[in-house]
Amino acid sequence: LFDVFFRQFQSMSAQAPGQRAGRMMLIVAWLMAMGLATWLFGNWQADKRNPNQAPQSLHGADFVEVRLASGRGGHYLLDGRINSQPVKFMLDTGASQVAISADVAERLSLERGAPIKVSTANGVTTGWLTRLASLQLGDIQLREVAAIIVPNMGGDEVLLGMSALKHLEFTQRDGTLVLRQNTLSAKTVESTDE
């Protein structure tokens, strides 16, 4: 591809100035089209990985509901907030706690509490207990949620474990996960366990 451009460039020096300008415009237009196609493909890939970048909420008389589409690999990712700051969540019903990487915890200015042993895919390590003043999934709001800061977790996704999910009803069907918070029993849910 670059060889073709190089030959075109060499042949342009032998052409009249008007023809050179036309060829240069063609090359610039072609490069811009390739750049635009690359950008569009990148956005399409991001939407496939996380189709829940702006989760919509449904409000009923006594509930708030968020519907999530599964991303590539069947995982449920969604954009949300911790302490009013944007984060990307990955739902993990196998995790007992909300798990946050040390890098994300630092960005969120989370305080490290008591140390705790944590089993990860990389083995056993020491993490720290913390509490999230607020956790938001669409219009679902949870307060005082127990979480763990995990060093060397990698990635920027927060694992949304059962310390948050136990306060919600959730059902999965045909690649869609529905999270529902009952608002009749409590306006906000407070998690009291570590």
N, C-alpha and C. Protein backbone atom coordinates (compact mmCIF):
# COMPACT_ATOMS: atom_id res chain seq x y z
N LEU A 1 0.83 -1.19 0.00
CA LEU A 1 0.00 0.00 0.00
C LEU A 1 0.88 1.26 0.00
N PHE A 2 1.90 1.27 0.87
CA PHE A 2 2.79 2.42 0.91
C PHE A 2 3.64 2.50 -0.37
N ASP A 3 3.94 1.35 -0.94
CA ASP A 3 4.70 1.34 -2.19
C ASP A 3 3.89 2.02 -3.29
N VAL A 4 2.59 1.77 -3.31
CA VAL A 4 1.72 2.41 -4.31
C VAL A 4 1.74 3.92 -4.12
N PHE A 5 1.62 4.38 -2.86
CA PHE A 5 1.65 5.81 -2.60
C PHE A 5 2.99 6.42 -3.00
N PHE A 6 4.07 5.71 -2.70
CA PHE A 6 5.41 6.20 -3.03
C PHE A 6 5.56 6.37 -4.54
N ARG A 7 5.10 5.35 -5.30
CA ARG A 7 5.18 5.45 -6.77
C ARG A 7 4.31 6.59 -7.30
N GLN A 8 3.12 6.76 -6.69
CA GLN A 8 2.24 7.86 -7.09
C GLN A 8 2.91 9.20 -6.82
N PHE A 9 3.57 9.29 -5.67
CA PHE A 9 4.23 10.53 -5.30
C PHE A 9 5.38 10.84 -6.27
N GLN A 10 6.14 9.80 -6.63
CA GLN A 10 7.24 10.00 -7.57
C GLN A 10 6.71 10.43 -8.94
N SER A 11 5.63 9.83 -9.38
CA SER A 11 5.09 10.19 -10.70
C SER A 11 4.46 11.58 -10.69
N MET A 12 4.06 12.07 -9.52
CA MET A 12 3.46 13.39 -9.45
C MET A 12 4.47 14.49 -9.73
N SER A 13 5.72 14.25 -9.41
CA SER A 13 6.73 15.29 -9.65
C SER A 13 6.90 15.57 -11.14
N ALA A 14 6.55 14.60 -11.99
CA ALA A 14 6.69 14.79 -13.43
C ALA A 14 5.41 15.37 -14.04
N GLN A 15 4.36 15.57 -13.24
CA GLN A 15 3.08 16.04 -13.77
C GLN A 15 2.96 17.56 -13.62
N ALA A 16 2.00 18.08 -14.33
CA ALA A 16 1.69 19.50 -14.25
C ALA A 16 1.15 19.81 -12.85
N PRO A 17 1.30 21.06 -12.37
CA PRO A 17 0.85 21.41 -11.02
C PRO A 17 -0.63 21.12 -10.76
N GLY A 18 -1.50 21.32 -11.72
CA GLY A 18 -2.93 21.03 -11.54
C GLY A 18 -3.20 19.55 -11.32
N GLN A 19 -2.50 18.73 -12.07
CA GLN A 19 -2.66 17.28 -11.91
C GLN A 19 -2.12 16.83 -10.56
N ARG A 20 -1.01 17.41 -10.11
CA ARG A 20 -0.44 17.05 -8.81
C ARG A 20 -1.41 17.39 -7.69
N ALA A 21 -2.02 18.55 -7.78
CA ALA A 21 -2.98 18.97 -6.74
C ALA A 21 -4.18 18.03 -6.71
N GLY A 22 -4.64 17.62 -7.90
CA GLY A 22 -5.77 16.69 -7.97
C GLY A 22 -5.42 15.35 -7.34
N ARG A 23 -4.21 14.86 -7.63
CA ARG A 23 -3.78 13.57 -7.04
C ARG A 23 -3.64 13.70 -5.52
N MET A 24 -3.08 14.80 -5.07
CA MET A 24 -2.91 15.00 -3.63
C MET A 24 -4.27 15.05 -2.94
N MET A 25 -5.23 15.71 -3.55
CA MET A 25 -6.58 15.77 -2.98
C MET A 25 -7.19 14.38 -2.91
N LEU A 26 -6.97 13.58 -3.93
CA LEU A 26 -7.48 12.21 -3.95
C LEU A 26 -6.85 11.40 -2.82
N ILE A 27 -5.55 11.53 -2.64
CA ILE A 27 -4.86 10.79 -1.57
C ILE A 27 -5.36 11.25 -0.20
N VAL A 28 -5.51 12.55 0.00
CA VAL A 28 -6.00 13.08 1.28
C VAL A 28 -7.42 12.59 1.54
N ALA A 29 -8.27 12.61 0.52
CA ALA A 29 -9.65 12.14 0.68
C ALA A 29 -9.67 10.65 1.04
N TRP A 30 -8.81 9.88 0.39
CA TRP A 30 -8.75 8.44 0.66
C TRP A 30 -8.29 8.19 2.10
N LEU A 31 -7.28 8.91 2.56
CA LEU A 31 -6.80 8.76 3.94
C LEU A 31 -7.87 9.18 4.95
N MET A 32 -8.60 10.24 4.66
CA MET A 32 -9.67 10.66 5.56
C MET A 32 -10.78 9.62 5.62
N ALA A 33 -11.12 9.03 4.48
CA ALA A 33 -12.15 7.98 4.45
C ALA A 33 -11.71 6.77 5.27
N MET A 34 -10.44 6.40 5.16
CA MET A 34 -9.93 5.26 5.95
C MET A 34 -9.95 5.58 7.44
N GLY A 35 -9.60 6.80 7.80
CA GLY A 35 -9.63 7.22 9.20
C GLY A 35 -11.04 7.19 9.75
N LEU A 36 -12.00 7.67 8.97
CA LEU A 36 -13.41 7.65 9.39
C LEU A 36 -13.91 6.22 9.54
N ALA A 37 -13.57 5.36 8.61
CA ALA A 37 -13.99 3.95 8.70
C ALA A 37 -13.40 3.28 9.93
N THR A 38 -12.15 3.57 10.25
CA THR A 38 -11.51 3.02 11.44
C THR A 38 -12.21 3.49 12.69
N TRP A 39 -12.54 4.77 12.77
CA TRP A 39 -13.23 5.34 13.92
C TRP A 39 -14.61 4.71 14.10
N LEU A 40 -15.36 4.58 13.00
CA LEU A 40 -16.70 3.98 13.07
C LEU A 40 -16.63 2.52 13.49
N PHE A 41 -15.67 1.78 12.97
CA PHE A 41 -15.51 0.38 13.34
C PHE A 41 -15.16 0.25 14.82
N GLY A 42 -14.30 1.13 15.33
CA GLY A 42 -13.95 1.12 16.75
C GLY A 42 -15.16 1.37 17.63
N ASN A 43 -16.01 2.32 17.27
CA ASN A 43 -17.23 2.58 18.03
C ASN A 43 -18.18 1.40 17.96
N TRP A 44 -18.27 0.78 16.80
CA TRP A 44 -19.15 -0.39 16.65
C TRP A 44 -18.66 -1.51 17.56
N GLN A 45 -17.34 -1.73 17.62
CA GLN A 45 -16.76 -2.76 18.49
C GLN A 45 -17.07 -2.46 19.95
N ALA A 46 -16.95 -1.21 20.37
CA ALA A 46 -17.23 -0.83 21.76
C ALA A 46 -18.70 -1.09 22.10
N ASP A 47 -19.60 -0.79 21.15
CA ASP A 47 -21.02 -1.04 21.39
C ASP A 47 -21.32 -2.53 21.50
N LYS A 48 -20.60 -3.36 20.75
CA LYS A 48 -20.80 -4.81 20.83
C LYS A 48 -20.32 -5.33 22.18
N ARG A 49 -19.20 -4.80 22.67
CA ARG A 49 -18.65 -5.26 23.95
C ARG A 49 -19.52 -4.80 25.10
N ASN A 50 -19.94 -3.53 25.09
CA ASN A 50 -20.79 -2.99 26.15
C ASN A 50 -21.99 -2.30 25.52
N PRO A 51 -23.06 -3.06 25.28
CA PRO A 51 -24.24 -2.46 24.66
C PRO A 51 -25.06 -1.62 25.65
N ASN A 52 -24.60 -1.53 26.90
CA ASN A 52 -25.36 -0.82 27.95
C ASN A 52 -24.61 0.42 28.42
N GLN A 53 -24.13 1.22 27.47
CA GLN A 53 -23.37 2.40 27.83
C GLN A 53 -24.25 3.51 28.37
N ALA A 54 -25.51 3.48 28.07
CA ALA A 54 -26.47 4.44 28.61
C ALA A 54 -27.74 3.67 28.98
N PRO A 55 -27.69 2.90 30.10
CA PRO A 55 -28.84 2.05 30.43
C PRO A 55 -30.10 2.87 30.71
N GLN A 56 -31.19 2.40 30.14
CA GLN A 56 -32.48 3.06 30.32
C GLN A 56 -33.22 2.44 31.49
N SER A 57 -33.95 3.25 32.23
CA SER A 57 -34.70 2.79 33.40
C SER A 57 -36.19 2.89 33.15
N LEU A 58 -36.90 1.92 33.67
CA LEU A 58 -38.36 1.91 33.61
C LEU A 58 -38.87 2.09 35.04
N HIS A 59 -39.75 3.06 35.23
CA HIS A 59 -40.29 3.35 36.56
C HIS A 59 -41.73 2.85 36.64
N GLY A 60 -42.03 2.07 37.68
CA GLY A 60 -43.38 1.63 37.96
C GLY A 60 -43.84 2.25 39.27
N ALA A 61 -45.03 1.89 39.71
CA ALA A 61 -45.57 2.45 40.94
C ALA A 61 -44.68 2.13 42.14
N ASP A 62 -44.08 0.95 42.17
CA ASP A 62 -43.29 0.55 43.33
C ASP A 62 -41.96 -0.09 42.95
N PHE A 63 -41.44 0.25 41.76
CA PHE A 63 -40.17 -0.33 41.35
C PHE A 63 -39.45 0.55 40.34
N VAL A 64 -38.15 0.31 40.23
CA VAL A 64 -37.32 0.86 39.16
C VAL A 64 -36.65 -0.34 38.52
N GLU A 65 -36.66 -0.37 37.20
CA GLU A 65 -36.15 -1.53 36.47
C GLU A 65 -35.15 -1.07 35.41
N VAL A 66 -34.06 -1.84 35.27
CA VAL A 66 -33.07 -1.58 34.24
C VAL A 66 -32.89 -2.86 33.44
N ARG A 67 -33.03 -2.78 32.13
CA ARG A 67 -32.85 -3.94 31.25
C ARG A 67 -31.48 -3.84 30.59
N LEU A 68 -30.75 -4.96 30.63
CA LEU A 68 -29.40 -4.99 30.08
C LEU A 68 -29.30 -6.05 28.99
N ALA A 69 -28.68 -5.68 27.89
CA ALA A 69 -28.39 -6.64 26.82
C ALA A 69 -27.02 -7.25 27.09
N SER A 70 -26.88 -8.54 26.79
CA SER A 70 -25.58 -9.18 27.00
C SER A 70 -24.62 -8.71 25.90
N GLY A 71 -23.38 -8.55 26.30
CA GLY A 71 -22.35 -8.16 25.36
C GLY A 71 -21.69 -9.39 24.77
N ARG A 72 -20.60 -9.16 24.08
CA ARG A 72 -19.83 -10.25 23.49
C ARG A 72 -19.44 -11.23 24.60
N GLY A 73 -19.58 -12.50 24.35
CA GLY A 73 -19.23 -13.52 25.34
C GLY A 73 -20.31 -13.76 26.37
N GLY A 74 -21.45 -13.09 26.24
CA GLY A 74 -22.55 -13.30 27.18
C GLY A 74 -22.43 -12.54 28.48
N HIS A 75 -21.42 -11.68 28.60
CA HIS A 75 -21.24 -10.90 29.83
C HIS A 75 -22.17 -9.70 29.82
N TYR A 76 -22.54 -9.28 31.02
CA TYR A 76 -23.37 -8.09 31.17
C TYR A 76 -22.50 -6.96 31.70
N LEU A 77 -22.23 -6.00 30.84
CA LEU A 77 -21.47 -4.81 31.21
C LEU A 77 -22.42 -3.62 31.13
N LEU A 78 -22.20 -2.67 32.00
CA LEU A 78 -22.98 -1.44 31.91
C LEU A 78 -22.22 -0.31 32.54
N ASP A 79 -22.49 0.87 32.05
CA ASP A 79 -21.92 2.07 32.64
C ASP A 79 -22.81 2.49 33.80
N GLY A 80 -22.18 2.89 34.88
CA GLY A 80 -22.91 3.33 36.06
C GLY A 80 -22.06 4.33 36.82
N ARG A 81 -22.36 4.46 38.11
CA ARG A 81 -21.64 5.43 38.93
C ARG A 81 -21.38 4.87 40.32
N ILE A 82 -20.23 5.21 40.85
CA ILE A 82 -19.91 4.98 42.26
C ILE A 82 -19.56 6.34 42.83
N ASN A 83 -20.25 6.71 43.90
CA ASN A 83 -20.02 8.02 44.54
C ASN A 83 -20.07 9.14 43.50
N SER A 84 -21.03 9.05 42.61
CA SER A 84 -21.30 10.05 41.56
C SER A 84 -20.24 10.12 40.46
N GLN A 85 -19.29 9.21 40.46
CA GLN A 85 -18.25 9.21 39.43
C GLN A 85 -18.49 8.03 38.47
N PRO A 86 -18.28 8.24 37.16
CA PRO A 86 -18.57 7.18 36.19
C PRO A 86 -17.63 5.99 36.31
N VAL A 87 -18.21 4.78 36.20
CA VAL A 87 -17.46 3.53 36.19
C VAL A 87 -18.13 2.57 35.21
N LYS A 88 -17.42 1.52 34.87
CA LYS A 88 -17.97 0.46 34.03
C LYS A 88 -18.09 -0.78 34.91
N PHE A 89 -19.30 -1.33 35.00
CA PHE A 89 -19.56 -2.51 35.81
C PHE A 89 -19.62 -3.76 34.95
N MET A 90 -19.17 -4.88 35.51
CA MET A 90 -19.41 -6.20 34.93
C MET A 90 -20.13 -6.99 36.02
N LEU A 91 -21.35 -7.45 35.70
CA LEU A 91 -22.10 -8.22 36.68
C LEU A 91 -21.45 -9.57 36.90
N ASP A 92 -21.30 -9.94 38.18
CA ASP A 92 -20.65 -11.19 38.55
C ASP A 92 -21.39 -11.78 39.75
N THR A 93 -22.37 -12.62 39.48
CA THR A 93 -23.15 -13.22 40.58
C THR A 93 -22.32 -14.21 41.38
N GLY A 94 -21.14 -14.60 40.89
CA GLY A 94 -20.26 -15.49 41.63
C GLY A 94 -19.37 -14.76 42.61
N ALA A 95 -19.34 -13.45 42.56
CA ALA A 95 -18.53 -12.65 43.48
C ALA A 95 -19.38 -12.28 44.69
N SER A 96 -18.86 -12.52 45.88
CA SER A 96 -19.63 -12.21 47.09
C SER A 96 -19.70 -10.71 47.36
N GLN A 97 -18.72 -9.97 46.90
CA GLN A 97 -18.67 -8.53 47.14
C GLN A 97 -18.49 -7.78 45.82
N VAL A 98 -18.75 -6.51 45.86
CA VAL A 98 -18.36 -5.64 44.77
C VAL A 98 -16.84 -5.55 44.84
N ALA A 99 -16.15 -5.82 43.73
CA ALA A 99 -14.69 -5.82 43.71
C ALA A 99 -14.19 -4.71 42.80
N ILE A 100 -13.27 -3.90 43.33
CA ILE A 100 -12.77 -2.72 42.63
C ILE A 100 -11.25 -2.81 42.57
N SER A 101 -10.68 -2.59 41.40
CA SER A 101 -9.22 -2.60 41.29
C SER A 101 -8.64 -1.44 42.08
N ALA A 102 -7.39 -1.59 42.50
CA ALA A 102 -6.71 -0.53 43.26
C ALA A 102 -6.64 0.76 42.45
N ASP A 103 -6.43 0.66 41.13
CA ASP A 103 -6.35 1.85 40.29
C ASP A 103 -7.69 2.60 40.26
N VAL A 104 -8.78 1.87 40.09
CA VAL A 104 -10.10 2.51 40.06
C VAL A 104 -10.43 3.07 41.44
N ALA A 105 -10.10 2.34 42.51
CA ALA A 105 -10.34 2.82 43.87
C ALA A 105 -9.60 4.13 44.13
N GLU A 106 -8.39 4.22 43.62
CA GLU A 106 -7.61 5.46 43.79
C GLU A 106 -8.27 6.60 43.03
N ARG A 107 -8.72 6.32 41.81
CA ARG A 107 -9.40 7.36 41.02
C ARG A 107 -10.67 7.84 41.71
N LEU A 108 -11.36 6.91 42.41
CA LEU A 108 -12.60 7.24 43.10
C LEU A 108 -12.36 7.78 44.51
N SER A 109 -11.10 7.83 44.93
CA SER A 109 -10.71 8.28 46.28
C SER A 109 -11.38 7.46 47.37
N LEU A 110 -11.42 6.13 47.18
CA LEU A 110 -12.01 5.25 48.19
C LEU A 110 -11.01 5.00 49.30
N GLU A 111 -11.50 4.98 50.52
CA GLU A 111 -10.65 4.71 51.67
C GLU A 111 -10.45 3.22 51.84
N ARG A 112 -9.21 2.85 52.14
CA ARG A 112 -8.90 1.45 52.42
C ARG A 112 -9.21 1.18 53.90
N GLY A 113 -10.03 0.17 54.12
CA GLY A 113 -10.35 -0.22 55.48
C GLY A 113 -9.47 -1.37 55.92
N ALA A 114 -10.06 -2.27 56.70
CA ALA A 114 -9.32 -3.41 57.24
C ALA A 114 -8.83 -4.30 56.10
N PRO A 115 -7.62 -4.87 56.24
CA PRO A 115 -7.12 -5.80 55.23
C PRO A 115 -7.90 -7.12 55.29
N ILE A 116 -7.99 -7.77 54.14
CA ILE A 116 -8.72 -9.03 54.05
C ILE A 116 -8.06 -9.91 52.98
N LYS A 117 -8.02 -11.22 53.20
CA LYS A 117 -7.49 -12.14 52.18
C LYS A 117 -8.54 -12.31 51.10
N VAL A 118 -8.08 -12.23 49.86
CA VAL A 118 -8.97 -12.31 48.70
C VAL A 118 -8.45 -13.38 47.76
N SER A 119 -9.33 -14.28 47.32
CA SER A 119 -8.96 -15.28 46.31
C SER A 119 -9.31 -14.74 44.94
N THR A 120 -8.29 -14.68 44.07
CA THR A 120 -8.50 -14.19 42.71
C THR A 120 -8.03 -15.25 41.74
N ALA A 121 -8.19 -14.98 40.47
CA ALA A 121 -7.71 -15.90 39.44
C ALA A 121 -6.18 -16.04 39.50
N ASN A 122 -5.51 -15.03 40.06
CA ASN A 122 -4.05 -15.06 40.17
C ASN A 122 -3.57 -15.60 41.52
N GLY A 123 -4.49 -16.10 42.33
CA GLY A 123 -4.11 -16.65 43.63
C GLY A 123 -4.66 -15.81 44.77
N VAL A 124 -4.17 -16.06 45.97
CA VAL A 124 -4.62 -15.35 47.16
C VAL A 124 -3.78 -14.09 47.34
N THR A 125 -4.43 -12.98 47.63
CA THR A 125 -3.75 -11.71 47.85
C THR A 125 -4.45 -10.98 48.98
N THR A 126 -3.89 -9.88 49.40
CA THR A 126 -4.51 -9.05 50.43
C THR A 126 -5.23 -7.89 49.78
N GLY A 127 -6.51 -7.74 50.10
CA GLY A 127 -7.31 -6.62 49.64
C GLY A 127 -7.73 -5.80 50.85
N TRP A 128 -8.57 -4.81 50.64
CA TRP A 128 -9.02 -3.96 51.73
C TRP A 128 -10.53 -3.76 51.63
N LEU A 129 -11.19 -3.83 52.78
CA LEU A 129 -12.61 -3.54 52.83
C LEU A 129 -12.82 -2.05 52.61
N THR A 130 -13.93 -1.71 51.98
CA THR A 130 -14.31 -0.31 51.81
C THR A 130 -15.82 -0.24 51.74
N ARG A 131 -16.36 0.96 51.79
CA ARG A 131 -17.80 1.15 51.64
C ARG A 131 -18.03 2.19 50.56
N LEU A 132 -19.05 1.93 49.76
CA LEU A 132 -19.42 2.85 48.69
C LEU A 132 -20.62 3.66 49.18
N ALA A 133 -20.45 4.94 49.29
CA ALA A 133 -21.55 5.79 49.76
C ALA A 133 -22.76 5.64 48.83
N SER A 134 -22.50 5.55 47.52
CA SER A 134 -23.60 5.36 46.57
C SER A 134 -23.12 4.55 45.38
N LEU A 135 -24.03 3.78 44.85
CA LEU A 135 -23.80 2.97 43.66
C LEU A 135 -25.03 3.12 42.80
N GLN A 136 -24.85 3.51 41.54
CA GLN A 136 -25.98 3.79 40.66
C GLN A 136 -25.89 2.96 39.39
N LEU A 137 -27.01 2.31 39.05
CA LEU A 137 -27.17 1.52 37.82
C LEU A 137 -28.41 2.07 37.12
N GLY A 138 -28.24 2.89 36.12
CA GLY A 138 -29.40 3.57 35.55
C GLY A 138 -29.99 4.44 36.65
N ASP A 139 -31.30 4.28 36.92
CA ASP A 139 -31.94 5.03 38.00
C ASP A 139 -32.02 4.23 39.30
N ILE A 140 -31.47 3.04 39.32
CA ILE A 140 -31.39 2.25 40.56
C ILE A 140 -30.28 2.84 41.41
N GLN A 141 -30.62 3.14 42.66
CA GLN A 141 -29.67 3.73 43.60
C GLN A 141 -29.51 2.82 44.81
N LEU A 142 -28.27 2.49 45.15
CA LEU A 142 -27.97 1.74 46.36
C LEU A 142 -27.06 2.61 47.22
N ARG A 143 -27.19 2.49 48.53
CA ARG A 143 -26.39 3.30 49.46
C ARG A 143 -25.61 2.40 50.41
N GLU A 144 -24.44 2.87 50.80
CA GLU A 144 -23.60 2.18 51.80
C GLU A 144 -23.39 0.71 51.45
N VAL A 145 -22.85 0.48 50.28
CA VAL A 145 -22.62 -0.88 49.78
C VAL A 145 -21.22 -1.34 50.15
N ALA A 146 -21.11 -2.54 50.72
CA ALA A 146 -19.82 -3.13 51.05
C ALA A 146 -19.08 -3.49 49.78
N ALA A 147 -17.76 -3.25 49.78
CA ALA A 147 -16.93 -3.56 48.61
C ALA A 147 -15.54 -3.92 49.08
N ILE A 148 -14.75 -4.46 48.14
CA ILE A 148 -13.36 -4.81 48.41
C ILE A 148 -12.48 -4.17 47.35
N ILE A 149 -11.39 -3.57 47.80
CA ILE A 149 -10.37 -3.05 46.88
C ILE A 149 -9.37 -4.19 46.66
N VAL A 150 -9.18 -4.58 45.40
CA VAL A 150 -8.33 -5.72 45.07
C VAL A 150 -7.12 -5.23 44.26
N PRO A 151 -5.90 -5.43 44.80
CA PRO A 151 -4.72 -5.03 44.04
C PRO A 151 -4.50 -5.98 42.86
N ASN A 152 -3.86 -5.50 41.84
CA ASN A 152 -3.52 -6.31 40.67
C ASN A 152 -4.73 -6.96 40.01
N MET A 153 -5.89 -6.35 40.13
CA MET A 153 -7.10 -6.92 39.52
C MET A 153 -7.05 -6.73 38.01
N GLY A 154 -6.46 -5.67 37.56
CA GLY A 154 -6.37 -5.42 36.12
C GLY A 154 -7.69 -4.93 35.55
N GLY A 155 -7.60 -4.18 34.51
CA GLY A 155 -8.80 -3.66 33.85
C GLY A 155 -9.40 -2.51 34.63
N ASP A 156 -10.38 -1.88 34.01
CA ASP A 156 -11.04 -0.76 34.67
C ASP A 156 -12.49 -1.08 35.01
N GLU A 157 -12.87 -2.35 34.90
CA GLU A 157 -14.24 -2.74 35.21
C GLU A 157 -14.38 -3.08 36.68
N VAL A 158 -15.47 -2.66 37.27
CA VAL A 158 -15.81 -2.99 38.64
C VAL A 158 -16.71 -4.22 38.60
N LEU A 159 -16.32 -5.26 39.34
CA LEU A 159 -17.16 -6.46 39.40
C LEU A 159 -18.33 -6.18 40.33
N LEU A 160 -19.52 -6.27 39.81
CA LEU A 160 -20.72 -6.01 40.59
C LEU A 160 -21.17 -7.32 41.21
N GLY A 161 -20.75 -7.54 42.44
CA GLY A 161 -21.03 -8.80 43.14
C GLY A 161 -22.28 -8.74 43.99
N MET A 162 -22.46 -9.78 44.79
CA MET A 162 -23.70 -9.97 45.53
C MET A 162 -23.91 -8.97 46.67
N SER A 163 -22.87 -8.29 47.15
CA SER A 163 -23.10 -7.28 48.19
C SER A 163 -24.01 -6.17 47.67
N ALA A 164 -24.07 -5.97 46.36
CA ALA A 164 -25.01 -5.03 45.75
C ALA A 164 -26.22 -5.75 45.16
N LEU A 165 -25.96 -6.86 44.45
CA LEU A 165 -27.05 -7.53 43.73
C LEU A 165 -28.10 -8.16 44.64
N LYS A 166 -27.72 -8.49 45.89
CA LYS A 166 -28.69 -9.12 46.79
C LYS A 166 -29.84 -8.18 47.15
N HIS A 167 -29.69 -6.91 46.88
CA HIS A 167 -30.73 -5.93 47.16
C HIS A 167 -31.66 -5.72 45.97
N LEU A 168 -31.42 -6.48 44.91
CA LEU A 168 -32.21 -6.35 43.69
C LEU A 168 -32.79 -7.70 43.30
N GLU A 169 -33.88 -7.66 42.58
CA GLU A 169 -34.37 -8.87 41.92
C GLU A 169 -33.74 -8.86 40.53
N PHE A 170 -33.31 -10.03 40.07
CA PHE A 170 -32.79 -10.08 38.71
C PHE A 170 -33.20 -11.37 38.04
N THR A 171 -33.55 -11.23 36.77
CA THR A 171 -33.93 -12.38 35.94
C THR A 171 -33.24 -12.24 34.60
N GLN A 172 -32.93 -13.40 34.03
CA GLN A 172 -32.25 -13.43 32.74
C GLN A 172 -33.07 -14.28 31.77
N ARG A 173 -33.25 -13.75 30.56
CA ARG A 173 -33.97 -14.50 29.53
C ARG A 173 -33.58 -13.97 28.17
N ASP A 174 -33.22 -14.88 27.28
CA ASP A 174 -32.93 -14.55 25.88
C ASP A 174 -31.91 -13.41 25.72
N GLY A 175 -30.82 -13.48 26.47
CA GLY A 175 -29.77 -12.49 26.33
C GLY A 175 -30.07 -11.14 26.97
N THR A 176 -31.12 -11.07 27.77
CA THR A 176 -31.47 -9.84 28.47
C THR A 176 -31.52 -10.10 29.96
N LEU A 177 -30.92 -9.24 30.73
CA LEU A 177 -30.95 -9.32 32.19
C LEU A 177 -31.74 -8.14 32.69
N VAL A 178 -32.72 -8.41 33.55
CA VAL A 178 -33.54 -7.36 34.13
C VAL A 178 -33.17 -7.21 35.60
N LEU A 179 -32.75 -6.02 35.99
CA LEU A 179 -32.50 -5.68 37.38
C LEU A 179 -33.67 -4.85 37.88
N ARG A 180 -34.20 -5.22 39.04
CA ARG A 180 -35.37 -4.50 39.56
C ARG A 180 -35.15 -4.17 41.03
N GLN A 181 -35.36 -2.91 41.34
CA GLN A 181 -35.31 -2.45 42.73
C GLN A 181 -36.72 -2.11 43.16
N ASN A 182 -37.19 -2.77 44.23
CA ASN A 182 -38.49 -2.44 44.78
C ASN A 182 -38.37 -1.16 45.59
N THR A 183 -39.15 -0.17 45.25
CA THR A 183 -39.08 1.12 45.92
C THR A 183 -40.11 1.26 47.02
N LEU A 184 -41.04 0.32 47.11
CA LEU A 184 -42.08 0.39 48.13
C LEU A 184 -41.51 0.12 49.52
N SER A 185 -40.60 -0.87 49.61
CA SER A 185 -40.07 -1.24 50.92
C SER A 185 -39.02 -0.25 51.42
N ALA A 186 -38.28 0.36 50.51
CA ALA A 186 -37.25 1.33 50.91
C ALA A 186 -36.89 2.20 49.72
N LYS A 187 -36.70 3.45 49.96
CA LYS A 187 -36.31 4.35 48.87
C LYS A 187 -34.87 4.09 48.46
N THR A 188 -34.03 3.78 49.42
CA THR A 188 -32.65 3.38 49.12
C THR A 188 -32.33 2.18 49.96
N VAL A 189 -31.45 1.38 49.49
CA VAL A 189 -31.06 0.17 50.19
C VAL A 189 -29.74 0.42 50.90
N GLU A 190 -29.68 0.03 52.17
CA GLU A 190 -28.43 0.14 52.89
C GLU A 190 -27.89 -1.24 53.17
N SER A 191 -26.68 -1.44 52.79
CA SER A 191 -26.00 -2.72 53.01
C SER A 191 -25.28 -2.63 54.34
N THR A 192 -25.49 -3.59 55.24
CA THR A 192 -24.87 -3.54 56.56
C THR A 192 -23.83 -4.60 56.77
N ASP A 193 -23.68 -5.52 55.83
CA ASP A 193 -22.70 -6.58 56.04
C ASP A 193 -21.43 -6.26 55.27
N GLU A 194 -20.35 -6.79 55.77
CA GLU A 194 -19.03 -6.58 55.14
C GLU A 194 -18.78 -7.69 54.20
